[in-house]
């Protein structure tokens, strides 16, 4: 049987930022509203492209596509600020922290990776790329009332911290689903020069 690797391409975050996100999650959790499934703050990353299941042989080709995309890209800096939700405050589905800074360079890198992967048979992204860090997702069974309460909580929770970090590599990550949540490990990395 051919082993399938559930994978995605992402930018990993500095530990200091992850600790900051953990504090923000604690602040939100103190609102004691149910219905949310929290993302482990130490595994939060900035996803550029979700690949789904790939076979081991494809890893090299994906890494080559990433290298080709990284050729024209130099390191850039991003800033994390603001708390938000998808799709809106009345029907919360995802709670996230926004990413600003040199997002034009980030978007260019993401588009470049996306188009390079199309030739390998990966479908191009249909939705516009909105850089964000997911803090929590609502459980499917979360009621409309719970979703609205989350919206109210997010609207009144301030995230004053603005944290800037340098992006100098893009990573191919493996996602292993376990009953305790997903475990991520890096299986490839491409430096931005």
N, C-alpha and C. Protein backbone atom coordinates (compact mmCIF):
# COMPACT_ATOMS: atom_id res chain seq x y z
N UNK A 1 0.83 -1.19 0.00
CA UNK A 1 0.00 0.00 0.00
C UNK A 1 0.88 1.26 0.00
N UNK A 2 0.52 2.21 -0.83
CA UNK A 2 1.31 3.45 -0.92
C UNK A 2 0.92 4.37 0.23
N UNK A 3 1.95 4.84 0.94
CA UNK A 3 1.67 5.71 2.08
C UNK A 3 1.27 7.10 1.60
N UNK A 4 0.18 7.59 2.15
CA UNK A 4 -0.28 8.94 1.83
C UNK A 4 0.17 9.87 2.94
N UNK A 5 0.66 11.04 2.55
CA UNK A 5 1.09 12.02 3.53
C UNK A 5 0.15 13.22 3.45
N UNK A 6 -0.57 13.49 4.53
CA UNK A 6 -1.47 14.65 4.55
C UNK A 6 -0.56 15.86 4.75
N UNK A 7 -0.58 16.79 3.80
CA UNK A 7 0.42 17.85 3.88
C UNK A 7 -0.09 19.21 3.44
N UNK A 8 0.72 20.21 3.78
CA UNK A 8 0.41 21.59 3.41
C UNK A 8 1.70 22.39 3.40
N UNK A 9 1.66 23.56 2.76
CA UNK A 9 2.83 24.44 2.70
C UNK A 9 2.53 25.62 3.61
N UNK A 10 3.48 25.95 4.47
CA UNK A 10 3.21 27.00 5.45
C UNK A 10 4.46 27.76 5.85
N UNK A 11 4.22 28.87 6.53
CA UNK A 11 5.30 29.64 7.14
C UNK A 11 5.18 29.37 8.63
N UNK A 12 6.27 28.94 9.22
CA UNK A 12 6.24 28.65 10.66
C UNK A 12 6.47 29.95 11.43
N UNK A 13 5.97 29.97 12.65
CA UNK A 13 6.03 31.20 13.46
C UNK A 13 7.06 31.09 14.56
N UNK A 14 7.63 32.24 14.98
CA UNK A 14 8.57 32.22 16.11
C UNK A 14 7.86 31.82 17.40
N UNK A 15 8.57 31.14 18.29
CA UNK A 15 7.99 30.67 19.56
C UNK A 15 7.41 31.81 20.40
N UNK A 16 8.08 32.95 20.35
CA UNK A 16 7.64 34.11 21.13
C UNK A 16 6.22 34.52 20.69
N UNK A 17 5.98 34.47 19.39
CA UNK A 17 4.67 34.82 18.85
C UNK A 17 3.64 33.76 19.27
N UNK A 18 4.04 32.49 19.25
CA UNK A 18 3.12 31.42 19.65
C UNK A 18 2.69 31.61 21.10
N UNK A 19 3.64 32.04 21.94
CA UNK A 19 3.33 32.28 23.36
C UNK A 19 2.32 33.42 23.48
N UNK A 20 2.47 34.43 22.63
CA UNK A 20 1.55 35.57 22.59
C UNK A 20 0.15 35.11 22.18
N UNK A 21 0.09 34.22 21.20
CA UNK A 21 -1.20 33.69 20.74
C UNK A 21 -1.85 32.83 21.81
N UNK A 22 -1.03 32.12 22.59
CA UNK A 22 -1.54 31.30 23.68
C UNK A 22 -2.20 32.19 24.73
N UNK A 23 -1.56 33.34 25.01
CA UNK A 23 -2.13 34.29 25.98
C UNK A 23 -3.46 34.85 25.48
N UNK A 24 -3.52 35.12 24.18
CA UNK A 24 -4.75 35.64 23.59
C UNK A 24 -5.86 34.59 23.69
N UNK A 25 -5.52 33.33 23.42
CA UNK A 25 -6.52 32.26 23.54
C UNK A 25 -7.04 32.17 24.97
N UNK A 26 -6.13 32.27 25.96
CA UNK A 26 -6.54 32.19 27.36
C UNK A 26 -7.53 33.31 27.70
N UNK A 27 -7.24 34.49 27.14
CA UNK A 27 -8.10 35.65 27.35
C UNK A 27 -9.51 35.35 26.80
N UNK A 28 -9.56 34.75 25.60
CA UNK A 28 -10.85 34.42 24.99
C UNK A 28 -11.55 33.29 25.75
N UNK A 29 -10.77 32.31 26.19
CA UNK A 29 -11.35 31.17 26.92
C UNK A 29 -11.99 31.62 28.22
N UNK A 30 -11.46 32.71 28.80
CA UNK A 30 -12.02 33.17 30.07
C UNK A 30 -13.44 33.71 29.89
N UNK A 31 -13.85 33.91 28.64
CA UNK A 31 -15.23 34.32 28.35
C UNK A 31 -16.20 33.16 28.56
N UNK A 32 -15.65 31.96 28.73
CA UNK A 32 -16.43 30.75 29.02
C UNK A 32 -17.63 30.50 28.09
N UNK A 33 -17.41 30.64 26.79
CA UNK A 33 -18.47 30.34 25.83
C UNK A 33 -18.12 29.00 25.20
N UNK A 34 -19.11 28.13 25.11
CA UNK A 34 -18.81 26.82 24.52
C UNK A 34 -18.97 26.86 23.01
N UNK A 35 -18.67 25.74 22.37
CA UNK A 35 -18.87 25.63 20.93
C UNK A 35 -17.61 25.73 20.09
N UNK A 36 -16.48 26.10 20.73
CA UNK A 36 -15.26 26.27 19.94
C UNK A 36 -14.29 25.12 20.12
N UNK A 37 -13.54 24.86 19.07
CA UNK A 37 -12.48 23.86 19.11
C UNK A 37 -11.19 24.66 18.93
N UNK A 38 -10.34 24.65 19.94
CA UNK A 38 -9.12 25.48 19.92
C UNK A 38 -7.99 24.84 19.16
N UNK A 39 -7.21 25.67 18.48
CA UNK A 39 -6.01 25.18 17.79
C UNK A 39 -4.88 25.27 18.81
N UNK A 40 -4.05 24.25 18.90
CA UNK A 40 -2.92 24.28 19.82
C UNK A 40 -2.04 25.47 19.42
N UNK A 41 -1.85 26.45 20.33
CA UNK A 41 -1.11 27.66 19.94
C UNK A 41 0.31 27.36 19.45
N UNK A 42 0.89 26.24 19.91
CA UNK A 42 2.26 25.94 19.50
C UNK A 42 2.31 25.25 18.14
N UNK A 43 1.13 25.00 17.55
CA UNK A 43 1.16 24.43 16.20
C UNK A 43 0.52 25.39 15.19
N UNK A 44 0.22 26.61 15.63
CA UNK A 44 -0.34 27.59 14.70
C UNK A 44 0.73 28.01 13.69
N UNK A 45 0.31 28.13 12.43
CA UNK A 45 1.23 28.51 11.36
C UNK A 45 0.43 29.29 10.33
N UNK A 46 1.12 29.85 9.37
CA UNK A 46 0.47 30.61 8.30
C UNK A 46 0.44 29.71 7.07
N UNK A 47 -0.73 29.16 6.78
CA UNK A 47 -0.86 28.24 5.65
C UNK A 47 -0.87 28.98 4.33
N UNK A 48 -0.05 28.50 3.40
CA UNK A 48 -0.02 29.09 2.06
C UNK A 48 -0.80 28.23 1.07
N UNK A 49 -0.78 26.91 1.32
CA UNK A 49 -1.47 26.01 0.41
C UNK A 49 -1.69 24.67 1.09
N UNK A 50 -2.94 24.22 1.13
CA UNK A 50 -3.23 22.90 1.69
C UNK A 50 -3.19 21.92 0.53
N UNK A 51 -2.41 20.85 0.67
CA UNK A 51 -2.24 19.91 -0.44
C UNK A 51 -3.10 18.67 -0.30
N UNK A 52 -3.49 18.34 0.92
CA UNK A 52 -4.24 17.10 1.13
C UNK A 52 -3.27 15.93 1.14
N UNK A 53 -3.76 14.76 0.76
CA UNK A 53 -2.91 13.57 0.78
C UNK A 53 -2.04 13.49 -0.47
N UNK A 54 -0.75 13.35 -0.24
CA UNK A 54 0.17 13.17 -1.38
C UNK A 54 0.98 11.90 -1.13
N UNK A 55 1.50 11.31 -2.18
CA UNK A 55 2.34 10.12 -2.00
C UNK A 55 3.78 10.59 -1.83
N UNK A 56 4.57 9.74 -1.18
CA UNK A 56 5.97 10.07 -0.87
C UNK A 56 6.75 10.59 -2.09
N UNK A 57 6.50 9.98 -3.27
CA UNK A 57 7.24 10.38 -4.47
C UNK A 57 6.98 11.84 -4.85
N UNK A 58 5.81 12.35 -4.47
CA UNK A 58 5.44 13.72 -4.85
C UNK A 58 6.18 14.76 -4.02
N UNK A 59 6.67 14.38 -2.84
CA UNK A 59 7.33 15.33 -1.94
C UNK A 59 8.44 16.10 -2.65
N UNK A 60 9.29 15.39 -3.39
CA UNK A 60 10.39 16.03 -4.10
C UNK A 60 9.92 17.04 -5.13
N UNK A 61 8.85 16.67 -5.87
CA UNK A 61 8.32 17.55 -6.90
C UNK A 61 7.70 18.80 -6.27
N UNK A 62 7.02 18.62 -5.15
CA UNK A 62 6.41 19.77 -4.46
C UNK A 62 7.51 20.69 -3.97
N UNK A 63 8.58 20.11 -3.40
CA UNK A 63 9.70 20.92 -2.92
C UNK A 63 10.33 21.70 -4.08
N UNK A 64 10.45 21.07 -5.25
CA UNK A 64 11.00 21.76 -6.42
C UNK A 64 10.11 22.93 -6.83
N UNK A 65 8.80 22.73 -6.77
CA UNK A 65 7.85 23.80 -7.11
C UNK A 65 8.00 24.95 -6.11
N UNK A 66 8.23 24.62 -4.84
CA UNK A 66 8.44 25.63 -3.81
C UNK A 66 9.75 26.39 -4.07
N UNK A 67 10.80 25.64 -4.45
CA UNK A 67 12.10 26.26 -4.73
C UNK A 67 11.99 27.24 -5.89
N UNK A 68 11.28 26.83 -6.94
CA UNK A 68 11.10 27.70 -8.11
C UNK A 68 10.36 28.98 -7.70
N UNK A 69 9.36 28.84 -6.82
CA UNK A 69 8.58 30.00 -6.37
C UNK A 69 9.44 30.92 -5.49
N UNK A 70 10.34 30.31 -4.71
CA UNK A 70 11.17 31.08 -3.78
C UNK A 70 12.31 31.81 -4.49
N UNK A 71 12.65 31.38 -5.71
CA UNK A 71 13.76 32.00 -6.43
C UNK A 71 13.64 33.51 -6.55
N UNK A 72 12.45 33.98 -6.88
CA UNK A 72 12.29 35.42 -7.04
C UNK A 72 11.95 36.15 -5.76
N UNK A 73 11.89 35.44 -4.65
CA UNK A 73 11.45 36.06 -3.40
C UNK A 73 12.60 36.26 -2.41
N UNK A 74 12.65 37.44 -1.84
CA UNK A 74 13.66 37.70 -0.80
C UNK A 74 12.92 37.68 0.54
N UNK A 75 13.66 37.54 1.67
CA UNK A 75 12.99 37.53 2.97
C UNK A 75 12.16 38.81 3.16
N UNK A 76 11.07 38.71 3.89
CA UNK A 76 10.22 39.87 4.13
C UNK A 76 9.67 39.80 5.55
N UNK A 77 9.08 40.91 6.00
CA UNK A 77 8.57 40.88 7.37
C UNK A 77 7.06 41.04 7.41
N UNK A 78 6.46 40.33 8.35
CA UNK A 78 5.02 40.36 8.53
C UNK A 78 4.72 40.82 9.94
N UNK A 79 3.54 41.36 10.11
CA UNK A 79 3.14 41.82 11.43
C UNK A 79 1.80 41.18 11.75
N UNK A 80 1.69 40.74 12.99
CA UNK A 80 0.47 40.09 13.43
C UNK A 80 -0.30 41.07 14.29
N UNK A 81 -1.54 41.34 13.92
CA UNK A 81 -2.36 42.21 14.74
C UNK A 81 -3.83 42.02 14.42
N UNK A 82 -4.67 42.46 15.30
CA UNK A 82 -6.12 42.41 15.12
C UNK A 82 -6.71 41.02 15.20
N UNK A 83 -7.83 40.99 15.85
CA UNK A 83 -8.58 39.76 16.03
C UNK A 83 -9.76 39.84 15.08
N UNK A 84 -10.09 38.75 14.41
CA UNK A 84 -11.23 38.78 13.49
C UNK A 84 -11.90 37.43 13.40
N UNK A 85 -12.95 37.36 12.59
CA UNK A 85 -13.69 36.11 12.41
C UNK A 85 -14.07 35.94 10.94
N UNK A 86 -14.28 34.68 10.55
CA UNK A 86 -14.91 34.38 9.25
C UNK A 86 -16.26 33.74 9.59
N UNK A 87 -17.31 33.87 8.84
CA UNK A 87 -17.49 34.87 7.80
C UNK A 87 -17.91 36.23 8.38
N UNK A 88 -18.62 36.24 9.51
CA UNK A 88 -18.99 37.52 10.14
C UNK A 88 -19.32 37.31 11.63
N UNK A 89 -19.47 38.41 12.35
CA UNK A 89 -19.68 38.36 13.81
C UNK A 89 -21.00 37.72 14.23
N UNK A 90 -21.97 37.63 13.31
CA UNK A 90 -23.24 37.02 13.68
C UNK A 90 -23.28 35.52 13.45
N UNK A 91 -22.30 35.03 12.69
CA UNK A 91 -22.31 33.60 12.36
C UNK A 91 -20.89 33.08 12.38
N UNK A 92 -20.22 33.22 13.50
CA UNK A 92 -18.79 32.90 13.59
C UNK A 92 -18.52 31.43 13.24
N UNK A 93 -17.53 31.24 12.38
CA UNK A 93 -17.11 29.91 11.97
C UNK A 93 -15.66 29.70 12.40
N UNK A 94 -14.84 30.76 12.22
CA UNK A 94 -13.42 30.72 12.55
C UNK A 94 -13.02 32.01 13.25
N UNK A 95 -12.21 31.87 14.32
CA UNK A 95 -11.66 33.05 15.01
C UNK A 95 -10.18 33.11 14.64
N UNK A 96 -9.72 34.27 14.18
CA UNK A 96 -8.35 34.37 13.71
C UNK A 96 -7.67 35.68 14.12
N UNK A 97 -6.36 35.71 13.90
CA UNK A 97 -5.58 36.92 14.09
C UNK A 97 -5.06 37.30 12.70
N UNK A 98 -5.17 38.58 12.38
CA UNK A 98 -4.79 39.04 11.05
C UNK A 98 -3.29 39.21 10.87
N UNK A 99 -2.88 39.19 9.61
CA UNK A 99 -1.47 39.35 9.26
C UNK A 99 -1.35 40.54 8.30
N UNK A 100 -0.52 41.51 8.67
CA UNK A 100 -0.28 42.67 7.82
C UNK A 100 1.23 42.79 7.60
N UNK A 101 1.69 43.93 7.09
CA UNK A 101 3.12 44.06 6.81
C UNK A 101 3.34 43.90 5.32
N UNK A 102 4.41 43.20 4.94
CA UNK A 102 4.73 43.05 3.52
C UNK A 102 3.89 41.94 2.88
N UNK A 103 2.57 42.12 2.99
CA UNK A 103 1.66 41.08 2.50
C UNK A 103 1.66 40.97 0.97
N UNK A 104 2.10 42.03 0.29
CA UNK A 104 2.20 41.95 -1.17
C UNK A 104 3.25 40.90 -1.56
N UNK A 105 4.38 40.88 -0.82
CA UNK A 105 5.42 39.88 -1.09
C UNK A 105 4.92 38.49 -0.73
N UNK A 106 4.15 38.43 0.37
CA UNK A 106 3.58 37.15 0.81
C UNK A 106 2.61 36.63 -0.25
N UNK A 107 1.73 37.51 -0.74
CA UNK A 107 0.73 37.11 -1.73
C UNK A 107 1.40 36.66 -3.03
N UNK A 108 2.47 37.35 -3.40
CA UNK A 108 3.19 37.01 -4.63
C UNK A 108 3.80 35.61 -4.48
N UNK A 109 4.38 35.33 -3.33
CA UNK A 109 4.98 34.03 -3.05
C UNK A 109 3.90 32.94 -3.08
N UNK A 110 2.77 33.23 -2.43
CA UNK A 110 1.67 32.27 -2.38
C UNK A 110 1.14 31.96 -3.78
N UNK A 111 0.97 33.01 -4.60
CA UNK A 111 0.46 32.82 -5.97
C UNK A 111 1.44 32.02 -6.80
N UNK A 112 2.71 32.32 -6.61
CA UNK A 112 3.76 31.63 -7.33
C UNK A 112 3.77 30.14 -6.98
N UNK A 113 3.65 29.83 -5.69
CA UNK A 113 3.60 28.42 -5.25
C UNK A 113 2.36 27.76 -5.85
N UNK A 114 1.23 28.45 -5.74
CA UNK A 114 -0.04 27.93 -6.24
C UNK A 114 0.04 27.60 -7.73
N UNK A 115 0.58 28.54 -8.54
CA UNK A 115 0.63 28.27 -9.98
C UNK A 115 1.65 27.19 -10.33
N UNK A 116 2.77 27.12 -9.58
CA UNK A 116 3.75 26.06 -9.85
C UNK A 116 3.17 24.68 -9.54
N UNK A 117 2.28 24.62 -8.57
CA UNK A 117 1.71 23.32 -8.18
C UNK A 117 0.60 22.86 -9.12
N UNK A 118 0.02 23.80 -9.88
CA UNK A 118 -1.05 23.45 -10.80
C UNK A 118 -0.54 22.42 -11.81
N UNK A 119 0.72 22.59 -12.25
CA UNK A 119 1.29 21.66 -13.23
C UNK A 119 1.47 20.26 -12.65
N UNK A 120 1.45 20.16 -11.31
CA UNK A 120 1.57 18.84 -10.68
C UNK A 120 0.19 18.24 -10.41
N UNK A 121 -0.83 18.94 -10.86
CA UNK A 121 -2.18 18.41 -10.70
C UNK A 121 -2.94 18.91 -9.48
N UNK A 122 -2.38 19.88 -8.75
CA UNK A 122 -3.11 20.44 -7.61
C UNK A 122 -4.02 21.56 -8.12
N UNK A 123 -5.26 21.54 -7.67
CA UNK A 123 -6.21 22.56 -8.12
C UNK A 123 -5.79 23.93 -7.61
N UNK A 124 -5.90 24.96 -8.46
CA UNK A 124 -5.56 26.31 -7.97
C UNK A 124 -6.58 26.75 -6.91
N UNK A 125 -6.16 27.64 -6.02
CA UNK A 125 -7.05 28.13 -4.98
C UNK A 125 -8.22 28.87 -5.62
N UNK A 126 -9.41 28.57 -5.13
CA UNK A 126 -10.58 29.25 -5.70
C UNK A 126 -10.90 30.52 -4.90
N UNK A 127 -10.56 30.50 -3.62
CA UNK A 127 -10.85 31.67 -2.78
C UNK A 127 -9.67 32.61 -2.77
N UNK A 128 -9.94 33.91 -2.60
CA UNK A 128 -8.80 34.84 -2.52
C UNK A 128 -7.96 34.53 -1.27
N UNK A 129 -6.67 34.73 -1.37
CA UNK A 129 -5.77 34.44 -0.26
C UNK A 129 -5.90 35.52 0.81
N UNK A 130 -6.33 35.13 2.00
CA UNK A 130 -6.45 36.06 3.12
C UNK A 130 -5.52 35.58 4.22
N UNK A 131 -4.34 36.18 4.36
CA UNK A 131 -3.40 35.68 5.38
C UNK A 131 -3.96 35.86 6.78
N UNK A 132 -3.99 34.76 7.53
CA UNK A 132 -4.50 34.81 8.90
C UNK A 132 -3.96 33.61 9.68
N UNK A 133 -4.05 33.71 11.00
CA UNK A 133 -3.64 32.62 11.90
C UNK A 133 -4.89 32.17 12.64
N UNK A 134 -5.27 30.92 12.45
CA UNK A 134 -6.50 30.42 13.07
C UNK A 134 -6.29 30.10 14.55
N UNK A 135 -7.14 30.69 15.40
CA UNK A 135 -7.07 30.43 16.84
C UNK A 135 -8.07 29.36 17.24
N UNK A 136 -9.26 29.40 16.62
CA UNK A 136 -10.32 28.44 16.97
C UNK A 136 -11.28 28.28 15.81
N UNK A 137 -11.90 27.10 15.76
CA UNK A 137 -12.96 26.84 14.77
C UNK A 137 -14.19 26.45 15.58
N UNK A 138 -15.35 26.86 15.10
CA UNK A 138 -16.57 26.48 15.80
C UNK A 138 -16.87 25.02 15.48
N UNK A 139 -17.35 24.31 16.48
CA UNK A 139 -17.76 22.92 16.26
C UNK A 139 -19.02 22.96 15.39
N UNK A 140 -19.20 21.91 14.58
CA UNK A 140 -20.38 21.88 13.70
C UNK A 140 -21.67 22.02 14.47
N UNK A 141 -21.70 21.44 15.68
CA UNK A 141 -22.95 21.47 16.45
C UNK A 141 -23.14 22.76 17.24
N UNK A 142 -22.22 23.72 17.11
CA UNK A 142 -22.36 24.99 17.83
C UNK A 142 -23.64 25.70 17.36
N UNK A 143 -24.43 26.16 18.33
CA UNK A 143 -25.69 26.81 17.98
C UNK A 143 -25.45 28.22 17.47
N UNK A 144 -26.48 28.80 16.86
CA UNK A 144 -26.38 30.15 16.35
C UNK A 144 -26.12 31.12 17.51
N UNK A 145 -26.77 30.85 18.66
CA UNK A 145 -26.57 31.70 19.85
C UNK A 145 -25.11 31.68 20.27
N UNK A 146 -24.50 30.48 20.30
CA UNK A 146 -23.08 30.37 20.68
C UNK A 146 -22.22 31.14 19.69
N UNK A 147 -22.51 31.01 18.41
CA UNK A 147 -21.74 31.71 17.37
C UNK A 147 -21.85 33.22 17.55
N UNK A 148 -23.05 33.69 17.90
CA UNK A 148 -23.24 35.13 18.11
C UNK A 148 -22.51 35.61 19.36
N UNK A 149 -22.52 34.76 20.41
CA UNK A 149 -21.80 35.12 21.64
C UNK A 149 -20.30 35.24 21.34
N UNK A 150 -19.80 34.35 20.48
CA UNK A 150 -18.39 34.43 20.09
C UNK A 150 -18.12 35.73 19.37
N UNK A 151 -19.05 36.11 18.50
CA UNK A 151 -18.91 37.36 17.76
C UNK A 151 -18.81 38.55 18.71
N UNK A 152 -19.68 38.55 19.73
CA UNK A 152 -19.68 39.65 20.71
C UNK A 152 -18.38 39.66 21.50
N UNK A 153 -17.91 38.47 21.88
CA UNK A 153 -16.67 38.38 22.65
C UNK A 153 -15.48 38.89 21.82
N UNK A 154 -15.41 38.46 20.57
CA UNK A 154 -14.31 38.89 19.70
C UNK A 154 -14.35 40.40 19.49
N UNK A 155 -15.58 40.93 19.31
CA UNK A 155 -15.73 42.37 19.07
C UNK A 155 -15.21 43.20 20.25
N UNK A 156 -15.34 42.65 21.48
CA UNK A 156 -14.91 43.45 22.63
C UNK A 156 -13.54 43.04 23.19
N UNK A 157 -12.92 42.04 22.60
CA UNK A 157 -11.59 41.62 23.07
C UNK A 157 -10.53 42.37 22.29
N UNK A 158 -9.64 43.02 23.00
CA UNK A 158 -8.60 43.74 22.27
C UNK A 158 -7.33 42.90 22.22
N UNK A 159 -6.66 42.99 21.10
CA UNK A 159 -5.38 42.32 20.94
C UNK A 159 -4.40 43.44 20.60
N UNK A 160 -3.88 44.09 21.68
CA UNK A 160 -3.03 45.26 21.48
C UNK A 160 -1.70 44.90 20.86
N UNK A 161 -1.24 43.71 21.17
CA UNK A 161 0.08 43.33 20.72
C UNK A 161 0.18 43.41 19.22
N UNK A 162 1.24 44.04 18.76
CA UNK A 162 1.50 43.95 17.33
C UNK A 162 2.91 43.36 17.30
N UNK A 163 3.04 42.23 16.66
CA UNK A 163 4.28 41.48 16.70
C UNK A 163 4.80 41.32 15.27
N UNK A 164 6.03 41.75 15.04
CA UNK A 164 6.62 41.65 13.71
C UNK A 164 7.64 40.52 13.66
N UNK A 165 7.63 39.76 12.58
CA UNK A 165 8.63 38.70 12.44
C UNK A 165 9.09 38.60 10.99
N UNK A 166 10.30 38.07 10.83
CA UNK A 166 10.90 37.91 9.50
C UNK A 166 10.51 36.55 8.92
N UNK A 167 10.21 36.55 7.64
CA UNK A 167 9.93 35.29 6.95
C UNK A 167 11.13 35.03 6.05
N UNK A 168 11.89 33.98 6.34
CA UNK A 168 13.02 33.68 5.47
C UNK A 168 13.03 32.24 4.96
N UNK A 169 11.91 31.53 5.20
CA UNK A 169 11.79 30.20 4.60
C UNK A 169 10.31 29.80 4.50
N UNK A 170 10.07 28.84 3.63
CA UNK A 170 8.74 28.29 3.43
C UNK A 170 8.88 26.79 3.65
N UNK A 171 7.92 26.21 4.36
CA UNK A 171 8.07 24.80 4.72
C UNK A 171 6.94 23.91 4.23
N UNK A 172 7.35 22.69 3.89
CA UNK A 172 6.38 21.66 3.53
C UNK A 172 6.15 20.88 4.82
N UNK A 173 4.90 20.84 5.25
CA UNK A 173 4.57 20.23 6.54
C UNK A 173 3.73 18.98 6.37
N UNK A 174 3.92 18.05 7.32
CA UNK A 174 3.08 16.86 7.36
C UNK A 174 2.10 17.04 8.51
N UNK A 175 0.87 16.63 8.29
CA UNK A 175 -0.15 16.74 9.32
C UNK A 175 -0.65 15.34 9.65
N UNK A 176 -0.39 14.91 10.88
CA UNK A 176 -0.87 13.59 11.30
C UNK A 176 -2.05 13.79 12.24
N UNK A 177 -3.20 13.25 11.85
CA UNK A 177 -4.39 13.44 12.69
C UNK A 177 -4.42 12.39 13.79
N UNK A 178 -4.56 12.86 15.02
CA UNK A 178 -4.65 11.95 16.17
C UNK A 178 -5.90 12.35 16.95
N UNK A 179 -6.37 11.49 17.86
CA UNK A 179 -7.54 11.86 18.66
C UNK A 179 -7.30 13.15 19.48
N UNK A 180 -6.04 13.46 19.79
CA UNK A 180 -5.72 14.66 20.57
C UNK A 180 -5.59 15.90 19.67
N UNK A 181 -5.74 15.70 18.37
CA UNK A 181 -5.57 16.83 17.44
C UNK A 181 -4.45 16.53 16.46
N UNK A 182 -4.21 17.45 15.55
CA UNK A 182 -3.21 17.21 14.51
C UNK A 182 -1.80 17.44 15.04
N UNK A 183 -0.87 16.63 14.58
CA UNK A 183 0.54 16.81 14.94
C UNK A 183 1.25 17.19 13.65
N UNK A 184 1.98 18.31 13.68
CA UNK A 184 2.65 18.79 12.48
C UNK A 184 4.15 18.57 12.56
N UNK A 185 4.73 18.16 11.44
CA UNK A 185 6.19 18.06 11.41
C UNK A 185 6.66 18.53 10.04
N UNK A 186 7.85 19.11 10.01
CA UNK A 186 8.39 19.67 8.78
C UNK A 186 9.04 18.55 7.96
N UNK A 187 8.66 18.45 6.68
CA UNK A 187 9.29 17.42 5.84
C UNK A 187 10.11 18.04 4.72
N UNK A 188 10.06 19.36 4.61
CA UNK A 188 10.86 20.03 3.60
C UNK A 188 10.90 21.52 3.91
N UNK A 189 11.99 22.17 3.53
CA UNK A 189 12.09 23.60 3.79
C UNK A 189 12.86 24.26 2.66
N UNK A 190 12.40 25.45 2.25
CA UNK A 190 13.07 26.18 1.18
C UNK A 190 13.36 27.58 1.71
N UNK A 191 14.61 27.99 1.60
CA UNK A 191 15.01 29.31 2.11
C UNK A 191 14.72 30.40 1.08
N UNK A 192 14.37 31.58 1.57
CA UNK A 192 14.22 32.76 0.71
C UNK A 192 15.56 33.46 0.77
N UNK A 193 16.14 33.77 -0.37
CA UNK A 193 17.49 34.35 -0.35
C UNK A 193 17.46 35.86 -0.54
